[in-house]
Amino acid sequence: MPWGLLTAVLLLGGSAAANAEVVQYSGGGGPTVAGTWDGIYLYPEVDASGTPVGKPPVRFHAEFTQYGLDIGGRITEPATFGAAGTPTLYANVMDGKMGEDGSIRFIKRYDGTGGVEHDVLYQGFISPDGQQINGAWSIGEWKGTFRLVAASPVPFAPAKPAAQAQEPPHPKSLKWTDRLWAAGTLALAFLLFGGVYYATRMQPEATEAVAPSAPAAKPAESRQGSVQEARSLLRKGDYDSAFGVLQSIDPLPEADRPLHDALRGVAVNRRSAGAFSAARAYADRLEVASKLSELGLHAEAVGVLTESVILAASKDEHGSEVASIYAKAGETDDFVMNVALRRTPEFYSAYARAFDRAGQSRAALALLSKKERLNDDDYTLFFSLHKRLGSLGALDPMSLPEEIRPRLTRALLEDKGPS
């Protein structure tokens, strides 16, 4: 290329770069993620329990749509877990948002193909050129990384209407210092573009080709570690994430299949119920806790029963279900001493009857004793519990209200029977 022509190209390109405005990530300007992307997600080297995971990276394909800052779309990936014989898994992009700082966040919700239907949270940032997204995925406390590279051109929305854009000055109107500065700017831009191109097009292949630094774990050890991670999440009350972890175990040990199926049943029922509500959340937690208790996972069952569920159950027939779960877990003392701390009189009465039906007479009596004043129904239960515990004769009549003392006398006579 003749030097004169090269100089003109450098001057025009440099002056345009010098006068360009910074493109913002916003609804009215900046890059959009709408289009086709090729991605790869990587598992962590170890799970939360410290057990090596030993899983290879997984490539996936994403089709994003965007309206303003809202993002939707569809994700396809090879089936590396789920039902045997399923070649491909599909997921919908839900609740996607793009921030004005270039951040992106969405939920990857598997659609049930191959029995896989859990949620994965994706959070990351878009590269300055809008051609790459890097970030992390998470299922509860289980986390990994991901990278997306634009497979089709991702358009840049103009920062302002084209009619308002300023034309660059003619090269002849520039001073020689401006021309020199412009030439240097464009040269630097060429170097930066080369670096971005290399990182965008070459890095994913390099990531997958590099062998993990940690030695691969034995499959059985890896599966057991993931199961323990799921149970740890359950004890913290996070049954959605626990279900996601169980679905990622391939193959799932037969001993843990009932747990997987129990959580899957709740997820299916929730989706068939339609709109999510507080009542739906209450029913889901009670169902999960009951199923875990039936499977002998008592600590996990108690973990799923949040305070709001326990309070709500005191107002309906499910109080007995909660009492039974605590009784099977051997946690009645914890309920009385901690869960039932500073509650309403109605709470104490309801759960005294619930624990009585669960065969926990001492816990029921302890709950009644937390009330400042017992009503007639409470005293009926009070005497019945003491009779069952064999402590009716130890009651001091003077400790009872005067109008209640005759009831104690009758209860004692009934307890002795005919002489």
Foldseek 3Di string as FASTA:
>chain_A
DDPVVVLQVLQQQLLCVVQDDQFWQFLQWWWDLAAKKKKKWDFDQAWPVRFGQQDAIWIKIWGWDDHTFFIKTKIKTAPPFAAPPQGIWIWIWARWGADRRQKIKTWTATPCRRHGGAIKIWIFGADSVRFKTWTKIDLVRGITIMMMGHPDDTDTRHNDDPVPDDRGDRSVPDDPVSSVSSSVVVVVVVVVVVVVVCCRPPVVVVVNPDDDPDDRDDLVSNLVSLLVVLLVCLLQQRNRSSLNSQRNRVPHDPLCVLLNVQSSVLVVVQVVVPDDDPVSLLVSLLSNLLSCVVSVSLSSSLNNCDLVSCVVCLVDVCLLSNLLSCVSSVNLVVCLPPSLPPDDPSSLQSNLVSNVVSVNLVSSLSSLVVDPDDDPVSVVSNLVSCLVVVNLVVDDLVVDPPVCSVVSVVSVDVSVDDD
